């Protein structure tokens, strides 16, 4: 990977890592479902007038938009609104890896390899350890469960993404923009029903520069720049070289939350984090290590 592209990859990791602290700032002034509606409204407009619809069946586009765009972020925003710390959210959301493996096993009939069994066991133990440490002042149980649910939506979206990839080369930017159009209505309807028109109007009329900056960041930087740049990297370099960099996202998220929001962790939470990170590393590098060990034993 060239020096320029390494810099681009690290910019994306940083943008996605601090995204969780940015969301926390947004939730100070905007209710979670309204924040989601505004985010995707800015993702879709005005870009939708300049980007062609992706050449995929409507059912796949709808499925992608409902899982990745609406389900994941509605649940994540609600989780952080209900007591999920920004740093821990950046880590627990990575449990999407577990759900992707589980959904792939039962929906795509993919066989698990040894490292995937180990990854699920180790990361699952870390999640259980974190779940045992829920409390009102650190991490609420409701916030934790909602974040796990958001990760499951991401995992299901990954399965749909695989179906889309089987159709051939798809313009990922068009997929991002057009799938961003879909969640605007469910976000808006849910906000109207559960947050109420009075809160919507007061939030919009009293919104400060902070709220506008947050929505702009979530749409332009975290979504359009982040996913667009990631698509460029995935096209030009092997997935085995690019994909492991996502493990740096929760590291940036935890550090940023500690520096900016003064979030701290208990010893047991730290152990849970270590287990989850170990599970992610086993899933990413396990097959490579097993092959090297087999080669050494054969030699």
C-alpha atoms as a PDB file:
ATOM      1  CA  UNK A   1       0.000   0.000   0.000  1.00  0.00           C
ATOM      2  CA  UNK A   2       1.389   3.409  -0.948  1.00  0.00           C
ATOM      3  CA  UNK A   3       2.169   6.032   1.692  1.00  0.00           C
ATOM      4  CA  UNK A   4      -0.717   8.158   0.428  1.00  0.00           C
ATOM      5  CA  UNK A   5      -3.184   5.298   0.723  1.00  0.00           C
ATOM      6  CA  UNK A   6      -1.893   4.342   4.179  1.00  0.00           C
ATOM      7  CA  UNK A   7      -2.644   7.925   5.173  1.00  0.00           C
ATOM      8  CA  UNK A   8      -6.128   7.674   3.656  1.00  0.00           C
ATOM      9  CA  UNK A   9      -6.804   4.407   5.512  1.00  0.00           C
ATOM     10  CA  UNK A  10      -5.725   5.895   8.833  1.00  0.00           C
ATOM     11  CA  UNK A  11      -7.903   8.965   8.197  1.00  0.00           C
ATOM     12  CA  UNK A  12     -10.903   6.685   7.709  1.00  0.00           C
ATOM     13  CA  UNK A  13     -10.109   4.733  10.883  1.00  0.00           C
ATOM     14  CA  UNK A  14      -9.772   7.982  12.809  1.00  0.00           C
ATOM     15  CA  UNK A  15     -13.005   9.373  11.319  1.00  0.00           C
ATOM     16  CA  UNK A  16     -14.929   6.232  12.278  1.00  0.00           C
ATOM     17  CA  UNK A  17     -13.309   6.038  15.720  1.00  0.00           C
ATOM     18  CA  UNK A  18     -14.183   9.567  16.847  1.00  0.00           C
ATOM     19  CA  UNK A  19     -17.632   9.135  15.255  1.00  0.00           C
ATOM     20  CA  UNK A  20     -18.947   7.793  18.584  1.00  0.00           C
ATOM     21  CA  UNK A  21     -17.886  10.873  20.525  1.00  0.00           C
ATOM     22  CA  UNK A  22     -19.475  13.021  17.814  1.00  0.00           C
ATOM     23  CA  UNK A  23     -22.730  11.074  18.219  1.00  0.00           C
ATOM     24  CA  UNK A  24     -22.607  11.740  21.969  1.00  0.00           C
ATOM     25  CA  UNK A  25     -22.369  15.490  21.281  1.00  0.00           C
ATOM     26  CA  UNK A  26     -25.285  15.249  18.840  1.00  0.00           C
ATOM     27  CA  UNK A  27     -27.488  13.512  21.403  1.00  0.00           C
ATOM     28  CA  UNK A  28     -27.006  16.420  23.802  1.00  0.00           C
ATOM     29  CA  UNK A  29     -29.354  18.559  21.674  1.00  0.00           C
ATOM     30  CA  UNK A  30     -31.183  16.197  19.310  1.00  0.00           C
ATOM     31  CA  UNK A  31     -33.305  13.122  20.138  1.00  0.00           C
ATOM     32  CA  UNK A  32     -31.808   9.908  18.679  1.00  0.00           C
ATOM     33  CA  UNK A  33     -34.385   9.099  16.001  1.00  0.00           C
ATOM     34  CA  UNK A  34     -34.489  12.670  14.722  1.00  0.00           C
ATOM     35  CA  UNK A  35     -30.670  12.658  14.602  1.00  0.00           C
ATOM     36  CA  UNK A  36     -30.837   9.552  12.419  1.00  0.00           C
ATOM     37  CA  UNK A  37     -33.367  11.133  10.062  1.00  0.00           C
ATOM     38  CA  UNK A  38     -31.225  14.262   9.655  1.00  0.00           C
ATOM     39  CA  UNK A  39     -28.065  12.246   9.098  1.00  0.00           C
ATOM     40  CA  UNK A  40     -29.463  10.213   6.232  1.00  0.00           C
ATOM     41  CA  UNK A  41     -31.343  13.144   4.727  1.00  0.00           C
ATOM     42  CA  UNK A  42     -27.975  14.837   4.290  1.00  0.00           C
ATOM     43  CA  UNK A  43     -26.388  11.600   2.992  1.00  0.00           C
ATOM     44  CA  UNK A  44     -29.068  11.254   0.295  1.00  0.00           C
ATOM     45  CA  UNK A  45     -29.604  14.905  -0.656  1.00  0.00           C
ATOM     46  CA  UNK A  46     -28.453  16.476  -2.878  1.00  0.00           C
ATOM     47  CA  UNK A  47     -26.181  13.554  -3.891  1.00  0.00           C
ATOM     48  CA  UNK A  48     -29.094  11.461  -5.119  1.00  0.00           C
ATOM     49  CA  UNK A  49     -29.634  13.892  -8.010  1.00  0.00           C
ATOM     50  CA  UNK A  50     -26.079  13.295  -9.272  1.00  0.00           C
ATOM     51  CA  UNK A  51     -25.546   9.585  -8.528  1.00  0.00           C
ATOM     52  CA  UNK A  52     -27.325   6.858 -10.467  1.00  0.00           C
ATOM     53  CA  UNK A  53     -29.255   4.202  -8.589  1.00  0.00           C
ATOM     54  CA  UNK A  54     -27.124   1.049  -8.146  1.00  0.00           C
ATOM     55  CA  UNK A  55     -27.926  -1.704 -10.616  1.00  0.00           C
ATOM     56  CA  UNK A  56     -29.277  -4.159  -8.049  1.00  0.00           C
ATOM     57  CA  UNK A  57     -32.768  -5.563  -7.377  1.00  0.00           C
ATOM     58  CA  UNK A  58     -34.986  -3.282  -5.312  1.00  0.00           C
ATOM     59  CA  UNK A  59     -35.416  -5.955  -2.611  1.00  0.00           C
ATOM     60  CA  UNK A  60     -31.652  -6.028  -1.987  1.00  0.00           C
ATOM     61  CA  UNK A  61     -31.459  -2.241  -1.885  1.00  0.00           C
ATOM     62  CA  UNK A  62     -34.364  -2.131   0.585  1.00  0.00           C
ATOM     63  CA  UNK A  63     -32.844  -4.890   2.711  1.00  0.00           C
ATOM     64  CA  UNK A  64     -29.468  -3.152   2.822  1.00  0.00           C
ATOM     65  CA  UNK A  65     -31.013   0.201   3.717  1.00  0.00           C
ATOM     66  CA  UNK A  66     -33.215  -1.235   6.473  1.00  0.00           C
ATOM     67  CA  UNK A  67     -30.447  -3.277   8.142  1.00  0.00           C
ATOM     68  CA  UNK A  68     -27.246  -1.267   7.699  1.00  0.00           C
ATOM     69  CA  UNK A  69     -28.671   2.251   7.544  1.00  0.00           C
ATOM     70  CA  UNK A  70     -31.868   2.195   9.634  1.00  0.00           C
ATOM     71  CA  UNK A  71     -31.598  -0.789  11.983  1.00  0.00           C
ATOM     72  CA  UNK A  72     -27.953  -0.379  12.930  1.00  0.00           C
ATOM     73  CA  UNK A  73     -27.996   3.360  13.552  1.00  0.00           C
ATOM     74  CA  UNK A  74     -31.475   3.623  15.087  1.00  0.00           C
ATOM     75  CA  UNK A  75     -30.469   1.040  17.685  1.00  0.00           C
ATOM     76  CA  UNK A  76     -26.987   2.530  18.193  1.00  0.00           C
ATOM     77  CA  UNK A  77     -28.321   6.074  18.702  1.00  0.00           C
ATOM     78  CA  UNK A  78     -30.994   4.762  21.090  1.00  0.00           C
ATOM     79  CA  UNK A  79     -28.346   2.770  22.949  1.00  0.00           C
ATOM     80  CA  UNK A  80     -26.141   5.814  23.480  1.00  0.00           C
ATOM     81  CA  UNK A  81     -29.194   7.863  24.438  1.00  0.00           C
ATOM     82  CA  UNK A  82     -29.980   5.226  27.064  1.00  0.00           C
ATOM     83  CA  UNK A  83     -26.653   5.007  28.833  1.00  0.00           C
ATOM     84  CA  UNK A  84     -24.168   3.303  26.493  1.00  0.00           C
ATOM     85  CA  UNK A  85     -20.787   5.075  26.767  1.00  0.00           C
ATOM     86  CA  UNK A  86     -19.257   6.221  23.477  1.00  0.00           C
ATOM     87  CA  UNK A  87     -16.015   4.284  23.914  1.00  0.00           C
ATOM     88  CA  UNK A  88     -17.657   0.992  24.811  1.00  0.00           C
ATOM     89  CA  UNK A  89     -20.183   1.452  22.001  1.00  0.00           C
ATOM     90  CA  UNK A  90     -17.311   1.613  19.484  1.00  0.00           C
ATOM     91  CA  UNK A  91     -16.066  -1.743  20.774  1.00  0.00           C
ATOM     92  CA  UNK A  92     -19.308  -3.658  21.392  1.00  0.00           C
ATOM     93  CA  UNK A  93     -20.548  -2.726  17.914  1.00  0.00           C
ATOM     94  CA  UNK A  94     -17.644  -4.770  16.543  1.00  0.00           C
ATOM     95  CA  UNK A  95     -19.500  -7.870  17.729  1.00  0.00           C
ATOM     96  CA  UNK A  96     -21.041  -7.599  14.255  1.00  0.00           C
ATOM     97  CA  UNK A  97     -18.248 -10.041  13.386  1.00  0.00           C
ATOM     98  CA  UNK A  98     -19.898 -12.708  15.550  1.00  0.00           C
ATOM     99  CA  UNK A  99     -23.319 -12.110  14.017  1.00  0.00           C
ATOM    100  CA  UNK A 100     -21.875 -12.133  10.500  1.00  0.00           C
ATOM    101  CA  UNK A 101     -20.342 -15.564  11.162  1.00  0.00           C
ATOM    102  CA  UNK A 102     -23.570 -16.887  12.699  1.00  0.00           C
ATOM    103  CA  UNK A 103     -25.814 -15.560   9.925  1.00  0.00           C
ATOM    104  CA  UNK A 104     -23.399 -16.832   7.254  1.00  0.00           C
ATOM    105  CA  UNK A 105     -23.497 -20.302   8.824  1.00  0.00           C
ATOM    106  CA  UNK A 106     -27.283 -20.569   8.878  1.00  0.00           C
ATOM    107  CA  UNK A 107     -28.310 -18.434   5.904  1.00  0.00           C
ATOM    108  CA  UNK A 108     -25.443 -19.057   3.469  1.00  0.00           C
ATOM    109  CA  UNK A 109     -24.515 -22.524   4.764  1.00  0.00           C
ATOM    110  CA  UNK A 110     -20.877 -21.477   5.247  1.00  0.00           C
ATOM    111  CA  UNK A 111     -18.766 -23.822   7.328  1.00  0.00           C
ATOM    112  CA  UNK A 112     -16.879 -22.491  10.299  1.00  0.00           C
ATOM    113  CA  UNK A 113     -13.178 -23.097  10.523  1.00  0.00           C
ATOM    114  CA  UNK A 114     -11.219 -23.664  13.721  1.00  0.00           C
ATOM    115  CA  UNK A 115     -10.247 -20.015  14.155  1.00  0.00           C
ATOM    116  CA  UNK A 116     -13.875 -18.931  13.793  1.00  0.00           C
ATOM    117  CA  UNK A 117     -15.009 -21.273  16.581  1.00  0.00           C
ATOM    118  CA  UNK A 118     -12.235 -19.849  18.746  1.00  0.00           C
ATOM    119  CA  UNK A 119     -13.070 -16.244  17.773  1.00  0.00           C
ATOM    120  CA  UNK A 120     -16.747 -16.666  18.677  1.00  0.00           C
ATOM    121  CA  UNK A 121     -15.883 -18.305  21.999  1.00  0.00           C
ATOM    122  CA  UNK A 122     -13.266 -15.731  23.042  1.00  0.00           C
ATOM    123  CA  UNK A 123     -15.183 -12.630  21.892  1.00  0.00           C
ATOM    124  CA  UNK A 124     -18.441 -14.033  23.298  1.00  0.00           C
ATOM    125  CA  UNK A 125     -16.763 -14.467  26.694  1.00  0.00           C
ATOM    126  CA  UNK A 126     -15.617 -10.840  26.512  1.00  0.00           C
ATOM    127  CA  UNK A 127     -19.147  -9.640  25.756  1.00  0.00           C
ATOM    128  CA  UNK A 128     -20.520 -11.708  28.658  1.00  0.00           C
ATOM    129  CA  UNK A 129     -17.909 -10.152  30.945  1.00  0.00           C
ATOM    130  CA  UNK A 130     -18.917  -6.664  29.830  1.00  0.00           C
ATOM    131  CA  UNK A 131     -22.603  -7.488  30.272  1.00  0.00           C
ATOM    132  CA  UNK A 132     -21.932  -8.458  33.887  1.00  0.00           C
ATOM    133  CA  UNK A 133     -20.669  -4.933  34.569  1.00  0.00           C
ATOM    134  CA  UNK A 134     -23.750  -2.929  33.598  1.00  0.00           C
ATOM    135  CA  UNK A 135     -24.733  -0.163  35.991  1.00  0.00           C
ATOM    136  CA  UNK A 136     -26.538   3.165  35.870  1.00  0.00           C
ATOM    137  CA  UNK A 137     -23.352   5.229  36.222  1.00  0.00           C
ATOM    138  CA  UNK A 138     -21.110   3.349  33.749  1.00  0.00           C
ATOM    139  CA  UNK A 139     -23.009   1.284  31.203  1.00  0.00           C
ATOM    140  CA  UNK A 140     -26.719   0.494  31.421  1.00  0.00           C
ATOM    141  CA  UNK A 141     -28.054  -2.947  30.562  1.00  0.00           C
ATOM    142  CA  UNK A 142     -30.559  -1.420  28.122  1.00  0.00           C
ATOM    143  CA  UNK A 143     -27.769   0.478  26.358  1.00  0.00           C
ATOM    144  CA  UNK A 144     -25.650  -2.679  26.121  1.00  0.00           C
ATOM    145  CA  UNK A 145     -28.496  -4.803  24.697  1.00  0.00           C
ATOM    146  CA  UNK A 146     -29.442  -2.118  22.160  1.00  0.00           C
ATOM    147  CA  UNK A 147     -25.811  -1.945  20.990  1.00  0.00           C
ATOM    148  CA  UNK A 148     -25.732  -5.739  20.583  1.00  0.00           C
ATOM    149  CA  UNK A 149     -28.960  -5.459  18.559  1.00  0.00           C
ATOM    150  CA  UNK A 150     -27.323  -2.764  16.397  1.00  0.00           C
ATOM    151  CA  UNK A 151     -24.375  -5.106  15.806  1.00  0.00           C
ATOM    152  CA  UNK A 152     -26.772  -7.862  14.742  1.00  0.00           C
ATOM    153  CA  UNK A 153     -28.310  -5.508  12.151  1.00  0.00           C
ATOM    154  CA  UNK A 154     -24.815  -4.733  10.859  1.00  0.00           C
ATOM    155  CA  UNK A 155     -24.096  -8.462  10.674  1.00  0.00           C
ATOM    156  CA  UNK A 156     -27.272  -9.121   8.698  1.00  0.00           C
ATOM    157  CA  UNK A 157     -26.389  -6.196   6.436  1.00  0.00           C
ATOM    158  CA  UNK A 158     -23.022  -7.849   5.755  1.00  0.00           C
ATOM    159  CA  UNK A 159     -24.846 -10.959   4.517  1.00  0.00           C
ATOM    160  CA  UNK A 160     -26.994  -8.815   2.214  1.00  0.00           C
ATOM    161  CA  UNK A 161     -23.825  -7.059   1.054  1.00  0.00           C
ATOM    162  CA  UNK A 162     -22.384 -10.436   0.062  1.00  0.00           C
ATOM    163  CA  UNK A 163     -25.495 -11.107  -2.010  1.00  0.00           C
ATOM    164  CA  UNK A 164     -25.031  -7.720  -3.696  1.00  0.00           C
ATOM    165  CA  UNK A 165     -21.336  -8.439  -4.350  1.00  0.00           C
ATOM    166  CA  UNK A 166     -22.279 -11.646  -6.174  1.00  0.00           C
ATOM    167  CA  UNK A 167     -24.047  -9.541  -8.821  1.00  0.00           C
ATOM    168  CA  UNK A 168     -20.727  -8.096  -9.991  1.00  0.00           C
ATOM    169  CA  UNK A 169     -18.920  -4.807  -9.505  1.00  0.00           C
ATOM    170  CA  UNK A 170     -21.300  -2.297  -7.885  1.00  0.00           C
ATOM    171  CA  UNK A 171     -20.609   1.411  -7.422  1.00  0.00           C
ATOM    172  CA  UNK A 172     -20.428   1.539  -3.625  1.00  0.00           C
ATOM    173  CA  UNK A 173     -20.988   5.294  -3.502  1.00  0.00           C
ATOM    174  CA  UNK A 174     -24.303   4.879  -5.322  1.00  0.00           C
ATOM    175  CA  UNK A 175     -25.233   2.109  -2.865  1.00  0.00           C
ATOM    176  CA  UNK A 176     -24.431   4.385   0.094  1.00  0.00           C
ATOM    177  CA  UNK A 177     -26.385   7.341  -1.293  1.00  0.00           C
ATOM    178  CA  UNK A 178     -29.456   5.393  -2.388  1.00  0.00           C
ATOM    179  CA  UNK A 179     -29.565   3.196   0.706  1.00  0.00           C
ATOM    180  CA  UNK A 180     -29.353   6.446   2.675  1.00  0.00           C
ATOM    181  CA  UNK A 181     -32.620   7.543   1.073  1.00  0.00           C
ATOM    182  CA  UNK A 182     -34.533   4.552   2.449  1.00  0.00           C
ATOM    183  CA  UNK A 183     -34.215   5.081   6.227  1.00  0.00           C
ATOM    184  CA  UNK A 184     -35.347   8.719   6.144  1.00  0.00           C
ATOM    185  CA  UNK A 185     -39.049   7.784   6.244  1.00  0.00           C
ATOM    186  CA  UNK A 186     -38.858   5.139   9.027  1.00  0.00           C
ATOM    187  CA  UNK A 187     -36.600   7.427  11.092  1.00  0.00           C
ATOM    188  CA  UNK A 188     -39.001  10.346  10.635  1.00  0.00           C
ATOM    189  CA  UNK A 189     -42.121   8.283  11.376  1.00  0.00           C
ATOM    190  CA  UNK A 190     -40.512   6.685  14.436  1.00  0.00           C
ATOM    191  CA  UNK A 191     -39.367  10.089  15.671  1.00  0.00           C
ATOM    192  CA  UNK A 192     -42.883  11.497  15.256  1.00  0.00           C
ATOM    193  CA  UNK A 193     -44.478   8.541  17.064  1.00  0.00           C
ATOM    194  CA  UNK A 194     -42.001   8.055  19.904  1.00  0.00           C
ATOM    195  CA  UNK A 195     -40.322  11.444  20.347  1.00  0.00           C
ATOM    196  CA  UNK A 196     -43.308  13.565  19.430  1.00  0.00           C
ATOM    197  CA  UNK A 197     -43.853  16.598  17.171  1.00  0.00           C
ATOM    198  CA  UNK A 198     -43.256  19.075  19.995  1.00  0.00           C
ATOM    199  CA  UNK A 199     -39.783  17.682  20.730  1.00  0.00           C
ATOM    200  CA  UNK A 200     -38.971  17.575  17.025  1.00  0.00           C
ATOM    201  CA  UNK A 201     -39.948  21.222  16.502  1.00  0.00           C
ATOM    202  CA  UNK A 202     -38.216  22.469  19.658  1.00  0.00           C
ATOM    203  CA  UNK A 203     -35.047  20.495  18.845  1.00  0.00           C
ATOM    204  CA  UNK A 204     -34.871  21.921  15.327  1.00  0.00           C
ATOM    205  CA  UNK A 205     -35.691  25.499  16.286  1.00  0.00           C
ATOM    206  CA  UNK A 206     -33.301  25.529  19.240  1.00  0.00           C
ATOM    207  CA  UNK A 207     -30.486  23.615  17.547  1.00  0.00           C
ATOM    208  CA  UNK A 208     -27.083  25.251  17.884  1.00  0.00           C
ATOM    209  CA  UNK A 209     -24.054  25.195  15.616  1.00  0.00           C
ATOM    210  CA  UNK A 210     -23.012  22.041  17.488  1.00  0.00           C
ATOM    211  CA  UNK A 211     -26.027  20.110  16.174  1.00  0.00           C
ATOM    212  CA  UNK A 212     -25.467  21.229  12.586  1.00  0.00           C
ATOM    213  CA  UNK A 213     -21.769  20.333  12.839  1.00  0.00           C
ATOM    214  CA  UNK A 214     -22.608  16.879  14.208  1.00  0.00           C
ATOM    215  CA  UNK A 215     -25.100  16.090  11.418  1.00  0.00           C
ATOM    216  CA  UNK A 216     -22.641  17.366   8.804  1.00  0.00           C
ATOM    217  CA  UNK A 217     -19.861  15.220  10.247  1.00  0.00           C
ATOM    218  CA  UNK A 218     -22.000  12.064  10.442  1.00  0.00           C
ATOM    219  CA  UNK A 219     -23.225  12.462   6.858  1.00  0.00           C
ATOM    220  CA  UNK A 220     -20.234  13.907   5.014  1.00  0.00           C
ATOM    221  CA  UNK A 221     -17.238  12.538   6.932  1.00  0.00           C
ATOM    222  CA  UNK A 222     -18.315   9.311   8.640  1.00  0.00           C
ATOM    223  CA  UNK A 223     -20.605   8.139   5.815  1.00  0.00           C
ATOM    224  CA  UNK A 224     -19.727   9.604   2.411  1.00  0.00           C
ATOM    225  CA  UNK A 225     -15.987  10.113   2.948  1.00  0.00           C
ATOM    226  CA  UNK A 226     -15.536   7.060   5.171  1.00  0.00           C
ATOM    227  CA  UNK A 227     -17.355   4.461   3.099  1.00  0.00           C
ATOM    228  CA  UNK A 228     -16.321   6.001  -0.215  1.00  0.00           C
ATOM    229  CA  UNK A 229     -12.620   5.928   0.738  1.00  0.00           C
ATOM    230  CA  UNK A 230     -12.960   2.421   2.130  1.00  0.00           C
ATOM    231  CA  UNK A 231     -14.458   1.251  -1.174  1.00  0.00           C
ATOM    232  CA  UNK A 232     -11.463   2.749  -3.012  1.00  0.00           C
ATOM    233  CA  UNK A 233      -9.012   0.912  -0.726  1.00  0.00           C
ATOM    234  CA  UNK A 234     -10.878  -2.399  -1.035  1.00  0.00           C
ATOM    235  CA  UNK A 235     -10.793  -2.123  -4.831  1.00  0.00           C
ATOM    236  CA  UNK A 236      -7.056  -1.428  -5.030  1.00  0.00           C
ATOM    237  CA  UNK A 237      -5.665  -3.689  -2.300  1.00  0.00           C
ATOM    238  CA  UNK A 238      -6.326  -7.226  -0.994  1.00  0.00           C
ATOM    239  CA  UNK A 239      -9.073  -7.428   1.621  1.00  0.00           C
ATOM    240  CA  UNK A 240      -6.619  -9.221   3.922  1.00  0.00           C
ATOM    241  CA  UNK A 241      -4.492  -6.061   3.942  1.00  0.00           C
ATOM    242  CA  UNK A 242      -7.289  -3.514   4.360  1.00  0.00           C
ATOM    243  CA  UNK A 243      -9.958  -5.205   6.513  1.00  0.00           C
ATOM    244  CA  UNK A 244      -7.790  -5.718   9.654  1.00  0.00           C
ATOM    245  CA  UNK A 245      -7.438  -1.943   9.969  1.00  0.00           C
ATOM    246  CA  UNK A 246     -11.037  -1.792  11.244  1.00  0.00           C
ATOM    247  CA  UNK A 247      -9.743  -3.274  14.503  1.00  0.00           C
ATOM    248  CA  UNK A 248      -8.171   0.123  15.155  1.00  0.00           C
ATOM    249  CA  UNK A 249     -11.613   1.797  15.165  1.00  0.00           C
ATOM    250  CA  UNK A 250     -12.554   0.773  18.751  1.00  0.00           C
ATOM    251  CA  UNK A 251      -9.022   1.664  19.884  1.00  0.00           C
ATOM    252  CA  UNK A 252      -9.509   5.201  18.553  1.00  0.00           C
ATOM    253  CA  UNK A 253     -13.059   5.242  19.953  1.00  0.00           C
ATOM    254  CA  UNK A 254     -11.980   4.230  23.465  1.00  0.00           C
ATOM    255  CA  UNK A 255      -9.034   6.640  23.529  1.00  0.00           C
ATOM    256  CA  UNK A 256     -11.088   9.554  22.185  1.00  0.00           C
ATOM    257  CA  UNK A 257     -13.883   8.918  24.702  1.00  0.00           C
ATOM    258  CA  UNK A 258     -11.301   8.809  27.501  1.00  0.00           C
ATOM    259  CA  UNK A 259      -9.599  12.068  26.395  1.00  0.00           C
ATOM    260  CA  UNK A 260     -12.697  14.077  25.384  1.00  0.00           C
ATOM    261  CA  UNK A 261     -15.468  12.674  27.579  1.00  0.00           C
ATOM    262  CA  UNK A 262     -13.365  11.448  30.516  1.00  0.00           C
ATOM    263  CA  UNK A 263     -14.859   7.951  30.227  1.00  0.00           C
ATOM    264  CA  UNK A 264     -13.090   5.385  32.387  1.00  0.00           C
ATOM    265  CA  UNK A 265     -13.121   1.585  32.585  1.00  0.00           C
ATOM    266  CA  UNK A 266     -13.064  -0.881  35.446  1.00  0.00           C
ATOM    267  CA  UNK A 267     -10.545  -3.749  35.554  1.00  0.00           C
ATOM    268  CA  UNK A 268     -13.252  -6.256  34.604  1.00  0.00           C
ATOM    269  CA  UNK A 269     -14.398  -4.095  31.684  1.00  0.00           C
ATOM    270  CA  UNK A 270     -10.775  -3.894  30.560  1.00  0.00           C
ATOM    271  CA  UNK A 271     -10.557  -7.692  30.649  1.00  0.00           C
ATOM    272  CA  UNK A 272     -13.757  -7.938  28.599  1.00  0.00           C
ATOM    273  CA  UNK A 273     -12.349  -5.506  26.046  1.00  0.00           C
ATOM    274  CA  UNK A 274      -9.125  -7.532  25.818  1.00  0.00           C
ATOM    275  CA  UNK A 275     -11.105 -10.723  25.146  1.00  0.00           C
ATOM    276  CA  UNK A 276     -13.235  -9.082  22.449  1.00  0.00           C
ATOM    277  CA  UNK A 277     -10.154  -7.663  20.718  1.00  0.00           C
ATOM    278  CA  UNK A 278      -8.484 -11.076  20.952  1.00  0.00           C
ATOM    279  CA  UNK A 279     -11.537 -12.667  19.324  1.00  0.00           C
ATOM    280  CA  UNK A 280     -11.438 -10.127  16.495  1.00  0.00           C
ATOM    281  CA  UNK A 281      -7.726 -10.800  15.943  1.00  0.00           C
ATOM    282  CA  UNK A 282      -8.237 -14.580  15.954  1.00  0.00           C
ATOM    283  CA  UNK A 283     -10.954 -14.251  13.318  1.00  0.00           C
ATOM    284  CA  UNK A 284      -8.814 -11.947  11.175  1.00  0.00           C
ATOM    285  CA  UNK A 285      -5.386 -13.567  11.465  1.00  0.00           C
ATOM    286  CA  UNK A 286      -6.204 -17.091  12.640  1.00  0.00           C
ATOM    287  CA  UNK A 287      -6.192 -18.822   9.261  1.00  0.00           C
ATOM    288  CA  UNK A 288      -2.862 -17.221   8.363  1.00  0.00           C
ATOM    289  CA  UNK A 289      -1.289 -18.362  11.631  1.00  0.00           C
ATOM    290  CA  UNK A 290      -2.658 -21.912  11.247  1.00  0.00           C
ATOM    291  CA  UNK A 291      -1.236 -22.139   7.702  1.00  0.00           C
ATOM    292  CA  UNK A 292       2.174 -20.956   8.913  1.00  0.00           C
ATOM    293  CA  UNK A 293       2.145 -23.488  11.754  1.00  0.00           C
ATOM    294  CA  UNK A 294       1.230 -26.280   9.328  1.00  0.00           C
ATOM    295  CA  UNK A 295       4.023 -25.201   7.005  1.00  0.00           C
ATOM    296  CA  UNK A 296       6.530 -25.225   9.866  1.00  0.00           C
ATOM    297  CA  UNK A 297       5.393 -28.647  11.054  1.00  0.00           C
ATOM    298  CA  UNK A 298       5.647 -30.025   7.509  1.00  0.00           C
ATOM    299  CA  UNK A 299       9.147 -28.594   7.161  1.00  0.00           C
END
